[in-house]
Amino acid sequence: MNTSFKLLITFWLLTQIAVAQTAKEKILSTSIEVNASVDSVWSRWTTESGRRKFFAPSSKMELKTLGFMEILFMPSAPEGQRGAENNRVLAVQDKQMLSFTWDAPPQFPEIRKQRTVVVVRLEKLGEKKTKVSLNQMGWGSTADWDTVYGYFTKAWSTFVLPNLKYSLEVGPVDWNDFPNKLPKNLLPATLSNN
């Protein structure tokens, strides 16, 4: 066999391995259409006042690569019990994409020490219509990881994205008396099979 042919075979094998590994990657995918402009949706995700209207009562985000980020659902709880703590922004593409690390709930301390990756993408469907897609990846393969995957499937599709839609179409979420005053009976986001 000549060198070119060996390189071609090696390249082909590596490509097949990469495709197989990609196919095995578990990705939580959900999306929702919001009757609001891309600018308004982007502002909800990237500003503290915006996040307070749908995501959590307290948050911080340095909107830059490796910027600090935390989303605190219970800001007065002890450290490690407040929400998504000590995470990092990974990438920012203005009004199109935001990615960040994300930790597991406190009841899963070993998994909480690790991080998954969340990618939020915005797609303009009209002047006042935006599709928000959220993908979370980097899942482990134990039973606890499967439980955390189920937790976030519900959290993103029945809490976060519906509250985003509600906040832009109806009004901000009321975090007083959490969780009793949260909007009720919101339609869930669409889940994609991966």
N, C-alpha and C. Protein backbone atom coordinates (compact mmCIF):
# COMPACT_ATOMS: atom_id res chain seq x y z
N MET A 1 0.83 -1.19 0.00
CA MET A 1 0.00 0.00 0.00
C MET A 1 0.87 1.24 0.00
N ASN A 2 0.48 2.21 -0.82
CA ASN A 2 1.26 3.44 -0.83
C ASN A 2 0.84 4.35 0.33
N THR A 3 1.65 5.33 0.61
CA THR A 3 1.43 6.22 1.75
C THR A 3 0.12 6.99 1.62
N SER A 4 -0.21 7.46 0.45
CA SER A 4 -1.45 8.21 0.25
C SER A 4 -2.67 7.36 0.58
N PHE A 5 -2.64 6.11 0.15
CA PHE A 5 -3.76 5.22 0.41
C PHE A 5 -3.88 4.94 1.91
N LYS A 6 -2.75 4.74 2.60
CA LYS A 6 -2.76 4.52 4.04
C LYS A 6 -3.34 5.73 4.77
N LEU A 7 -2.95 6.91 4.35
CA LEU A 7 -3.48 8.13 4.95
C LEU A 7 -4.98 8.25 4.72
N LEU A 8 -5.42 7.90 3.54
CA LEU A 8 -6.84 7.95 3.22
C LEU A 8 -7.62 6.97 4.10
N ILE A 9 -7.12 5.75 4.25
CA ILE A 9 -7.78 4.76 5.10
C ILE A 9 -7.79 5.23 6.55
N THR A 10 -6.66 5.75 7.03
CA THR A 10 -6.58 6.25 8.41
C THR A 10 -7.58 7.38 8.62
N PHE A 11 -7.63 8.31 7.70
CA PHE A 11 -8.59 9.43 7.79
C PHE A 11 -10.02 8.90 7.82
N TRP A 12 -10.32 7.93 6.95
CA TRP A 12 -11.66 7.37 6.90
C TRP A 12 -12.01 6.70 8.23
N LEU A 13 -11.08 5.94 8.80
CA LEU A 13 -11.33 5.27 10.07
C LEU A 13 -11.55 6.28 11.20
N LEU A 14 -10.73 7.30 11.25
CA LEU A 14 -10.90 8.33 12.28
C LEU A 14 -12.24 9.04 12.13
N THR A 15 -12.65 9.29 10.91
CA THR A 15 -13.94 9.92 10.66
C THR A 15 -15.07 9.02 11.15
N GLN A 16 -14.98 7.74 10.89
CA GLN A 16 -16.01 6.79 11.34
C GLN A 16 -16.07 6.73 12.86
N ILE A 17 -14.92 6.75 13.50
CA ILE A 17 -14.88 6.74 14.97
C ILE A 17 -15.52 8.01 15.52
N ALA A 18 -15.18 9.14 14.93
CA ALA A 18 -15.76 10.42 15.37
C ALA A 18 -17.27 10.43 15.21
N VAL A 19 -17.76 9.93 14.09
CA VAL A 19 -19.21 9.86 13.86
C VAL A 19 -19.86 8.95 14.89
N ALA A 20 -19.25 7.81 15.15
CA ALA A 20 -19.80 6.87 16.13
C ALA A 20 -19.82 7.49 17.53
N GLN A 21 -18.77 8.19 17.90
CA GLN A 21 -18.73 8.82 19.21
C GLN A 21 -19.76 9.93 19.30
N THR A 22 -19.92 10.71 18.24
CA THR A 22 -20.92 11.77 18.23
C THR A 22 -22.31 11.19 18.36
N ALA A 23 -22.57 10.10 17.68
CA ALA A 23 -23.89 9.47 17.74
C ALA A 23 -24.21 8.98 19.14
N LYS A 24 -23.20 8.63 19.94
CA LYS A 24 -23.42 8.14 21.29
C LYS A 24 -23.65 9.27 22.29
N GLU A 25 -23.27 10.47 21.97
CA GLU A 25 -23.38 11.59 22.91
C GLU A 25 -24.85 11.89 23.20
N LYS A 26 -25.19 11.88 24.46
CA LYS A 26 -26.54 12.21 24.90
C LYS A 26 -26.65 13.73 24.97
N ILE A 27 -27.67 14.27 24.32
CA ILE A 27 -27.91 15.71 24.33
C ILE A 27 -29.36 15.97 24.69
N LEU A 28 -29.57 16.79 25.69
CA LEU A 28 -30.91 17.22 26.04
C LEU A 28 -31.22 18.42 25.15
N SER A 29 -32.25 18.31 24.32
CA SER A 29 -32.60 19.38 23.37
C SER A 29 -34.04 19.80 23.57
N THR A 30 -34.24 21.09 23.75
CA THR A 30 -35.59 21.63 23.90
C THR A 30 -35.65 23.00 23.25
N SER A 31 -36.84 23.40 22.82
CA SER A 31 -36.99 24.70 22.18
C SER A 31 -38.38 25.26 22.43
N ILE A 32 -38.49 26.56 22.26
CA ILE A 32 -39.78 27.23 22.42
C ILE A 32 -39.81 28.45 21.51
N GLU A 33 -40.97 28.76 20.99
CA GLU A 33 -41.15 29.98 20.20
C GLU A 33 -41.74 31.04 21.10
N VAL A 34 -41.17 32.24 21.01
CA VAL A 34 -41.56 33.35 21.87
C VAL A 34 -42.01 34.51 21.00
N ASN A 35 -43.11 35.12 21.37
CA ASN A 35 -43.61 36.28 20.64
C ASN A 35 -42.90 37.53 21.15
N ALA A 36 -41.65 37.67 20.75
CA ALA A 36 -40.80 38.80 21.14
C ALA A 36 -39.63 38.86 20.17
N SER A 37 -39.03 40.02 20.08
CA SER A 37 -37.89 40.21 19.18
C SER A 37 -36.65 39.49 19.72
N VAL A 38 -35.72 39.22 18.82
CA VAL A 38 -34.44 38.62 19.23
C VAL A 38 -33.77 39.52 20.26
N ASP A 39 -33.81 40.83 20.07
CA ASP A 39 -33.18 41.76 21.02
C ASP A 39 -33.76 41.58 22.42
N SER A 40 -35.08 41.47 22.51
CA SER A 40 -35.73 41.32 23.82
C SER A 40 -35.35 39.99 24.47
N VAL A 41 -35.34 38.92 23.69
CA VAL A 41 -34.99 37.60 24.23
C VAL A 41 -33.53 37.59 24.67
N TRP A 42 -32.65 38.15 23.85
CA TRP A 42 -31.23 38.22 24.20
C TRP A 42 -31.02 38.97 25.51
N SER A 43 -31.72 40.08 25.67
CA SER A 43 -31.61 40.87 26.89
C SER A 43 -32.07 40.08 28.12
N ARG A 44 -33.09 39.25 27.96
CA ARG A 44 -33.55 38.41 29.07
C ARG A 44 -32.44 37.48 29.55
N TRP A 45 -31.72 36.88 28.62
CA TRP A 45 -30.66 35.93 28.99
C TRP A 45 -29.40 36.62 29.50
N THR A 46 -29.07 37.80 28.98
CA THR A 46 -27.73 38.36 29.19
C THR A 46 -27.65 39.53 30.17
N THR A 47 -28.78 39.96 30.72
CA THR A 47 -28.74 41.04 31.71
C THR A 47 -29.32 40.55 33.03
N GLU A 48 -28.82 41.11 34.11
CA GLU A 48 -29.32 40.69 35.43
C GLU A 48 -30.81 40.99 35.57
N SER A 49 -31.23 42.17 35.13
CA SER A 49 -32.65 42.50 35.24
C SER A 49 -33.49 41.59 34.34
N GLY A 50 -32.97 41.20 33.20
CA GLY A 50 -33.68 40.28 32.31
C GLY A 50 -33.83 38.90 32.93
N ARG A 51 -32.75 38.35 33.47
CA ARG A 51 -32.81 37.03 34.09
C ARG A 51 -33.75 37.01 35.29
N ARG A 52 -33.82 38.11 36.03
CA ARG A 52 -34.70 38.20 37.19
C ARG A 52 -36.17 38.09 36.76
N LYS A 53 -36.48 38.45 35.54
CA LYS A 53 -37.86 38.41 35.06
C LYS A 53 -38.33 37.01 34.69
N PHE A 54 -37.39 36.04 34.54
CA PHE A 54 -37.84 34.70 34.15
C PHE A 54 -37.05 33.55 34.78
N PHE A 55 -35.77 33.75 35.08
CA PHE A 55 -34.90 32.63 35.41
C PHE A 55 -34.79 32.39 36.91
N ALA A 56 -34.43 33.44 37.66
CA ALA A 56 -34.19 33.31 39.10
C ALA A 56 -34.16 34.69 39.73
N PRO A 57 -34.37 34.76 41.04
CA PRO A 57 -34.40 36.06 41.70
C PRO A 57 -33.04 36.77 41.78
N SER A 58 -31.96 36.04 41.61
CA SER A 58 -30.63 36.65 41.69
C SER A 58 -29.69 35.95 40.71
N SER A 59 -28.82 36.73 40.08
CA SER A 59 -27.86 36.13 39.14
C SER A 59 -26.72 37.10 38.88
N LYS A 60 -25.64 36.54 38.36
CA LYS A 60 -24.49 37.32 37.90
C LYS A 60 -23.98 36.68 36.63
N MET A 61 -23.53 37.50 35.69
CA MET A 61 -22.95 36.96 34.47
C MET A 61 -21.98 37.98 33.88
N GLU A 62 -20.74 37.55 33.72
CA GLU A 62 -19.77 38.34 32.98
C GLU A 62 -19.86 37.86 31.53
N LEU A 63 -20.41 38.68 30.68
CA LEU A 63 -20.71 38.28 29.31
C LEU A 63 -19.45 38.30 28.46
N LYS A 64 -18.56 37.33 28.74
CA LYS A 64 -17.31 37.18 28.01
C LYS A 64 -16.84 35.74 28.18
N THR A 65 -15.97 35.30 27.31
CA THR A 65 -15.44 33.95 27.40
C THR A 65 -14.77 33.74 28.75
N LEU A 66 -15.16 32.68 29.43
CA LEU A 66 -14.72 32.30 30.77
C LEU A 66 -15.14 33.29 31.85
N GLY A 67 -16.15 34.11 31.53
CA GLY A 67 -16.71 35.01 32.53
C GLY A 67 -17.46 34.24 33.60
N PHE A 68 -17.48 34.77 34.82
CA PHE A 68 -18.17 34.16 35.95
C PHE A 68 -19.67 34.21 35.73
N MET A 69 -20.37 33.15 36.16
CA MET A 69 -21.82 33.12 36.03
C MET A 69 -22.43 32.31 37.16
N GLU A 70 -23.51 32.83 37.73
CA GLU A 70 -24.29 32.06 38.67
C GLU A 70 -25.75 32.48 38.56
N ILE A 71 -26.64 31.52 38.74
CA ILE A 71 -28.08 31.73 38.72
C ILE A 71 -28.58 31.20 40.06
N LEU A 72 -29.04 32.10 40.92
CA LEU A 72 -29.38 31.71 42.30
C LEU A 72 -30.89 31.68 42.49
N PHE A 73 -31.41 30.48 42.67
CA PHE A 73 -32.83 30.30 42.90
C PHE A 73 -33.20 30.59 44.34
N MET A 74 -32.27 30.34 45.26
CA MET A 74 -32.46 30.62 46.68
C MET A 74 -31.22 31.37 47.18
N PRO A 75 -31.14 32.66 46.88
CA PRO A 75 -29.91 33.43 47.17
C PRO A 75 -29.50 33.45 48.64
N SER A 76 -30.45 33.31 49.55
CA SER A 76 -30.08 33.38 50.97
C SER A 76 -29.72 32.01 51.56
N ALA A 77 -29.79 30.96 50.78
CA ALA A 77 -29.40 29.62 51.25
C ALA A 77 -27.88 29.56 51.41
N PRO A 78 -27.39 28.57 52.15
CA PRO A 78 -25.93 28.42 52.29
C PRO A 78 -25.26 28.15 50.94
N GLU A 79 -24.00 28.56 50.83
CA GLU A 79 -23.25 28.30 49.60
C GLU A 79 -23.31 26.81 49.27
N GLY A 80 -23.50 26.52 48.01
CA GLY A 80 -23.63 25.14 47.56
C GLY A 80 -25.08 24.67 47.50
N GLN A 81 -25.98 25.50 48.01
CA GLN A 81 -27.41 25.16 48.05
C GLN A 81 -28.27 26.22 47.36
N ARG A 82 -27.62 27.22 46.76
CA ARG A 82 -28.36 28.39 46.26
C ARG A 82 -28.86 28.25 44.83
N GLY A 83 -28.26 27.37 44.05
CA GLY A 83 -28.64 27.24 42.64
C GLY A 83 -27.42 26.88 41.81
N ALA A 84 -27.35 27.43 40.63
CA ALA A 84 -26.20 27.19 39.74
C ALA A 84 -25.08 28.14 40.17
N GLU A 85 -24.07 27.60 40.83
CA GLU A 85 -23.02 28.41 41.43
C GLU A 85 -21.68 28.16 40.78
N ASN A 86 -20.90 29.23 40.68
CA ASN A 86 -19.52 29.15 40.22
C ASN A 86 -19.38 28.51 38.83
N ASN A 87 -20.24 28.93 37.92
CA ASN A 87 -20.18 28.45 36.54
C ASN A 87 -19.45 29.47 35.68
N ARG A 88 -19.25 29.13 34.42
CA ARG A 88 -18.51 29.98 33.50
C ARG A 88 -19.24 30.12 32.17
N VAL A 89 -19.21 31.32 31.64
CA VAL A 89 -19.65 31.57 30.27
C VAL A 89 -18.56 30.99 29.38
N LEU A 90 -18.95 30.24 28.37
CA LEU A 90 -17.97 29.63 27.47
C LEU A 90 -17.83 30.38 26.15
N ALA A 91 -18.95 30.82 25.60
CA ALA A 91 -18.91 31.52 24.31
C ALA A 91 -20.11 32.45 24.20
N VAL A 92 -19.90 33.55 23.50
CA VAL A 92 -20.96 34.54 23.27
C VAL A 92 -20.92 34.93 21.80
N GLN A 93 -22.04 34.79 21.14
CA GLN A 93 -22.20 35.29 19.77
C GLN A 93 -23.41 36.21 19.83
N ASP A 94 -23.18 37.50 19.80
CA ASP A 94 -24.19 38.52 20.08
C ASP A 94 -25.53 38.24 19.40
N LYS A 95 -26.56 38.14 20.22
CA LYS A 95 -27.95 37.96 19.78
C LYS A 95 -28.18 36.69 18.98
N GLN A 96 -27.23 35.73 19.09
CA GLN A 96 -27.39 34.47 18.38
C GLN A 96 -27.15 33.26 19.27
N MET A 97 -26.09 33.30 20.10
CA MET A 97 -25.72 32.11 20.87
C MET A 97 -25.01 32.49 22.15
N LEU A 98 -25.35 31.73 23.20
CA LEU A 98 -24.71 31.88 24.49
C LEU A 98 -24.48 30.47 25.03
N SER A 99 -23.26 30.16 25.45
CA SER A 99 -23.01 28.86 26.07
C SER A 99 -22.33 29.05 27.41
N PHE A 100 -22.61 28.10 28.30
CA PHE A 100 -22.09 28.21 29.66
C PHE A 100 -22.06 26.82 30.31
N THR A 101 -21.25 26.72 31.38
CA THR A 101 -21.24 25.49 32.16
C THR A 101 -22.47 25.50 33.07
N TRP A 102 -22.84 24.29 33.55
CA TRP A 102 -24.01 24.19 34.41
C TRP A 102 -23.81 23.03 35.38
N ASP A 103 -24.13 23.27 36.64
CA ASP A 103 -23.94 22.23 37.64
C ASP A 103 -25.26 21.57 38.03
N ALA A 104 -25.15 20.38 38.60
CA ALA A 104 -26.32 19.60 39.01
C ALA A 104 -26.90 20.17 40.30
N PRO A 105 -28.13 19.79 40.63
CA PRO A 105 -28.74 20.24 41.88
C PRO A 105 -27.94 19.73 43.10
N PRO A 106 -28.06 20.43 44.24
CA PRO A 106 -27.30 20.07 45.44
C PRO A 106 -27.52 18.65 45.93
N GLN A 107 -28.66 18.05 45.64
CA GLN A 107 -28.91 16.69 46.13
C GLN A 107 -28.06 15.64 45.41
N PHE A 108 -27.26 16.07 44.43
CA PHE A 108 -26.33 15.18 43.73
C PHE A 108 -24.92 15.73 43.88
N PRO A 109 -24.35 15.69 45.10
CA PRO A 109 -23.07 16.37 45.37
C PRO A 109 -21.90 15.91 44.49
N GLU A 110 -21.82 14.63 44.18
CA GLU A 110 -20.69 14.16 43.35
C GLU A 110 -20.82 14.66 41.91
N ILE A 111 -22.01 14.64 41.38
CA ILE A 111 -22.22 15.14 40.02
C ILE A 111 -22.12 16.66 40.01
N ARG A 112 -22.57 17.31 41.08
CA ARG A 112 -22.51 18.77 41.18
C ARG A 112 -21.07 19.28 41.07
N LYS A 113 -20.10 18.48 41.49
CA LYS A 113 -18.69 18.88 41.39
C LYS A 113 -18.25 18.98 39.93
N GLN A 114 -18.97 18.32 39.05
CA GLN A 114 -18.66 18.34 37.63
C GLN A 114 -19.57 19.35 36.94
N ARG A 115 -19.44 19.50 35.66
CA ARG A 115 -20.27 20.45 34.93
C ARG A 115 -20.70 19.84 33.60
N THR A 116 -21.91 20.23 33.18
CA THR A 116 -22.33 19.97 31.81
C THR A 116 -22.19 21.29 31.06
N VAL A 117 -22.52 21.27 29.78
CA VAL A 117 -22.45 22.48 28.95
C VAL A 117 -23.84 22.75 28.39
N VAL A 118 -24.28 24.00 28.49
CA VAL A 118 -25.56 24.43 27.93
C VAL A 118 -25.28 25.42 26.80
N VAL A 119 -25.98 25.22 25.67
CA VAL A 119 -25.89 26.12 24.54
C VAL A 119 -27.29 26.64 24.25
N VAL A 120 -27.45 27.96 24.30
CA VAL A 120 -28.73 28.60 23.98
C VAL A 120 -28.56 29.31 22.64
N ARG A 121 -29.45 29.03 21.70
CA ARG A 121 -29.41 29.67 20.38
C ARG A 121 -30.72 30.40 20.12
N LEU A 122 -30.62 31.56 19.51
CA LEU A 122 -31.79 32.36 19.13
C LEU A 122 -31.90 32.39 17.62
N GLU A 123 -33.11 32.17 17.13
CA GLU A 123 -33.36 32.22 15.69
C GLU A 123 -34.52 33.17 15.43
N LYS A 124 -34.27 34.19 14.65
CA LYS A 124 -35.31 35.17 14.32
C LYS A 124 -36.30 34.53 13.35
N LEU A 125 -37.57 34.48 13.77
CA LEU A 125 -38.63 33.95 12.92
C LEU A 125 -39.47 35.06 12.33
N GLY A 126 -39.37 36.26 12.89
CA GLY A 126 -40.10 37.44 12.45
C GLY A 126 -39.66 38.60 13.31
N GLU A 127 -40.20 39.78 13.05
CA GLU A 127 -39.80 40.96 13.84
C GLU A 127 -40.08 40.76 15.32
N LYS A 128 -41.16 40.08 15.64
CA LYS A 128 -41.52 39.86 17.04
C LYS A 128 -41.79 38.38 17.30
N LYS A 129 -40.96 37.55 16.73
CA LYS A 129 -41.07 36.10 16.96
C LYS A 129 -39.67 35.50 16.91
N THR A 130 -39.31 34.77 17.97
CA THR A 130 -37.97 34.19 18.11
C THR A 130 -38.09 32.75 18.58
N LYS A 131 -37.30 31.89 17.96
CA LYS A 131 -37.19 30.52 18.44
C LYS A 131 -35.97 30.44 19.35
N VAL A 132 -36.18 29.92 20.54
CA VAL A 132 -35.10 29.72 21.51
C VAL A 132 -34.85 28.22 21.61
N SER A 133 -33.65 27.81 21.26
CA SER A 133 -33.26 26.40 21.37
C SER A 133 -32.21 26.26 22.46
N LEU A 134 -32.36 25.24 23.28
CA LEU A 134 -31.44 24.99 24.38
C LEU A 134 -30.98 23.54 24.29
N ASN A 135 -29.66 23.34 24.28
CA ASN A 135 -29.06 22.01 24.26
C ASN A 135 -28.12 21.89 25.45
N GLN A 136 -28.23 20.79 26.16
CA GLN A 136 -27.34 20.53 27.29
C GLN A 136 -26.64 19.20 27.02
N MET A 137 -25.31 19.19 27.15
CA MET A 137 -24.53 18.00 26.85
C MET A 137 -23.41 17.82 27.86
N GLY A 138 -22.73 16.69 27.75
CA GLY A 138 -21.64 16.38 28.67
C GLY A 138 -22.08 15.50 29.81
N TRP A 139 -23.06 14.64 29.52
CA TRP A 139 -23.64 13.77 30.54
C TRP A 139 -22.78 12.56 30.82
N GLY A 140 -22.71 12.17 32.08
CA GLY A 140 -22.06 10.93 32.45
C GLY A 140 -22.99 9.75 32.18
N SER A 141 -22.56 8.55 32.58
CA SER A 141 -23.33 7.36 32.19
C SER A 141 -23.77 6.49 33.36
N THR A 142 -23.87 7.04 34.57
CA THR A 142 -24.36 6.26 35.71
C THR A 142 -25.85 6.54 35.93
N ALA A 143 -26.45 5.77 36.83
CA ALA A 143 -27.87 5.96 37.15
C ALA A 143 -28.12 7.36 37.71
N ASP A 144 -27.20 7.89 38.53
CA ASP A 144 -27.37 9.25 39.06
C ASP A 144 -27.36 10.28 37.93
N TRP A 145 -26.49 10.08 36.96
CA TRP A 145 -26.46 10.99 35.81
C TRP A 145 -27.79 10.92 35.06
N ASP A 146 -28.35 9.73 34.91
CA ASP A 146 -29.65 9.60 34.24
C ASP A 146 -30.74 10.34 35.01
N THR A 147 -30.68 10.29 36.33
CA THR A 147 -31.65 11.01 37.17
C THR A 147 -31.49 12.52 36.98
N VAL A 148 -30.26 12.99 36.94
CA VAL A 148 -30.01 14.43 36.73
C VAL A 148 -30.48 14.85 35.34
N TYR A 149 -30.26 14.01 34.34
CA TYR A 149 -30.76 14.28 32.99
C TYR A 149 -32.29 14.44 33.01
N GLY A 150 -32.97 13.55 33.72
CA GLY A 150 -34.42 13.66 33.85
C GLY A 150 -34.84 14.93 34.57
N TYR A 151 -34.09 15.29 35.61
CA TYR A 151 -34.37 16.53 36.35
C TYR A 151 -34.30 17.73 35.41
N PHE A 152 -33.21 17.81 34.61
CA PHE A 152 -33.05 18.97 33.74
C PHE A 152 -33.98 18.93 32.54
N THR A 153 -34.37 17.75 32.11
CA THR A 153 -35.38 17.68 31.04
C THR A 153 -36.62 18.42 31.49
N LYS A 154 -37.04 18.16 32.71
CA LYS A 154 -38.22 18.83 33.25
C LYS A 154 -37.94 20.32 33.54
N ALA A 155 -36.79 20.61 34.14
CA ALA A 155 -36.48 21.99 34.52
C ALA A 155 -36.45 22.94 33.32
N TRP A 156 -35.74 22.54 32.26
CA TRP A 156 -35.64 23.43 31.09
C TRP A 156 -36.98 23.51 30.34
N SER A 157 -37.66 22.37 30.18
CA SER A 157 -38.84 22.36 29.31
C SER A 157 -40.14 22.78 30.00
N THR A 158 -40.23 22.67 31.33
CA THR A 158 -41.48 23.06 32.00
C THR A 158 -41.31 24.26 32.94
N PHE A 159 -40.08 24.69 33.17
CA PHE A 159 -39.86 25.81 34.07
C PHE A 159 -39.16 26.97 33.36
N VAL A 160 -37.92 26.78 32.96
CA VAL A 160 -37.12 27.89 32.46
C VAL A 160 -37.67 28.46 31.14
N LEU A 161 -37.77 27.65 30.12
CA LEU A 161 -38.23 28.18 28.82
C LEU A 161 -39.68 28.66 28.86
N PRO A 162 -40.62 27.94 29.50
CA PRO A 162 -41.97 28.51 29.61
C PRO A 162 -42.01 29.82 30.40
N ASN A 163 -41.18 29.93 31.45
CA ASN A 163 -41.13 31.20 32.19
C ASN A 163 -40.54 32.32 31.34
N LEU A 164 -39.57 31.99 30.49
CA LEU A 164 -39.03 32.99 29.55
C LEU A 164 -40.15 33.51 28.66
N LYS A 165 -40.91 32.60 28.06
CA LYS A 165 -42.02 32.98 27.19
C LYS A 165 -43.04 33.83 27.96
N TYR A 166 -43.42 33.37 29.14
CA TYR A 166 -44.37 34.09 29.98
C TYR A 166 -43.88 35.51 30.27
N SER A 167 -42.61 35.63 30.64
CA SER A 167 -42.07 36.94 31.02
C SER A 167 -42.10 37.93 29.87
N LEU A 168 -41.94 37.44 28.65
CA LEU A 168 -41.93 38.32 27.48
C LEU A 168 -43.32 38.58 26.93
N GLU A 169 -44.25 37.67 27.14
CA GLU A 169 -45.59 37.81 26.56
C GLU A 169 -46.64 38.29 27.55
N VAL A 170 -46.42 38.03 28.86
CA VAL A 170 -47.41 38.38 29.88
C VAL A 170 -46.83 39.38 30.87
N GLY A 171 -45.72 39.02 31.49
CA GLY A 171 -45.10 39.88 32.47
C GLY A 171 -44.08 39.11 33.28
N PRO A 172 -43.27 39.80 34.07
CA PRO A 172 -42.20 39.13 34.82
C PRO A 172 -42.73 38.14 35.85
N VAL A 173 -41.92 37.13 36.11
CA VAL A 173 -42.22 36.14 37.14
C VAL A 173 -42.08 36.81 38.50
N ASP A 174 -43.00 36.53 39.42
CA ASP A 174 -42.95 37.06 40.78
C ASP A 174 -42.21 36.06 41.67
N TRP A 175 -41.02 36.45 42.11
CA TRP A 175 -40.20 35.54 42.93
C TRP A 175 -40.52 35.63 44.42
N ASN A 176 -41.44 36.52 44.81
CA ASN A 176 -41.87 36.57 46.20
C ASN A 176 -42.66 35.30 46.50
N ASP A 177 -42.46 34.75 47.66
CA ASP A 177 -43.14 33.52 48.06
C ASP A 177 -42.85 32.38 47.08
N PHE A 178 -41.57 32.28 46.68
CA PHE A 178 -41.13 31.21 45.77
C PHE A 178 -41.34 29.85 46.43
N PRO A 179 -41.85 28.87 45.78
CA PRO A 179 -42.32 28.81 44.40
C PRO A 179 -43.82 29.00 44.23
N ASN A 180 -44.51 29.40 45.29
CA ASN A 180 -45.97 29.45 45.26
C ASN A 180 -46.56 30.43 44.24
N LYS A 181 -45.89 31.54 43.96
CA LYS A 181 -46.45 32.53 43.04
C LYS A 181 -45.95 32.39 41.60
N LEU A 182 -45.28 31.30 41.30
CA LEU A 182 -44.83 31.09 39.93
C LEU A 182 -46.04 30.91 39.01
N PRO A 183 -45.90 31.31 37.74
CA PRO A 183 -47.01 31.10 36.80
C PRO A 183 -47.40 29.62 36.75
N LYS A 184 -48.68 29.37 36.63
CA LYS A 184 -49.19 27.99 36.62
C LYS A 184 -49.67 27.61 35.22
N ASN A 185 -49.68 26.32 34.96
CA ASN A 185 -50.23 25.74 33.73
C ASN A 185 -49.64 26.30 32.44
N LEU A 186 -48.36 26.56 32.46
CA LEU A 186 -47.70 27.03 31.24
C LEU A 186 -47.46 25.85 30.30
N LEU A 187 -47.57 26.09 29.01
CA LEU A 187 -47.28 25.04 28.04
C LEU A 187 -45.79 24.75 28.04
N PRO A 188 -45.41 23.48 28.04
CA PRO A 188 -43.98 23.14 28.06
C PRO A 188 -43.31 23.43 26.72
N ALA A 189 -42.00 23.56 26.78
CA ALA A 189 -41.21 23.68 25.55
C ALA A 189 -41.22 22.35 24.84
N THR A 190 -40.83 22.37 23.58
CA THR A 190 -40.77 21.15 22.77
C THR A 190 -39.46 20.44 23.01
N LEU A 191 -39.54 19.15 23.30
CA LEU A 191 -38.34 18.33 23.47
C LEU A 191 -38.03 17.63 22.17
N SER A 192 -36.75 17.55 21.84
CA SER A 192 -36.31 16.82 20.65
C SER A 192 -35.67 15.52 21.09
N ASN A 193 -35.83 14.48 20.32
CA ASN A 193 -35.21 13.20 20.62
C ASN A 193 -33.78 13.18 20.11
N ASN A 194 -32.85 12.80 20.97
CA ASN A 194 -31.45 12.65 20.58
C ASN A 194 -30.93 11.33 21.05
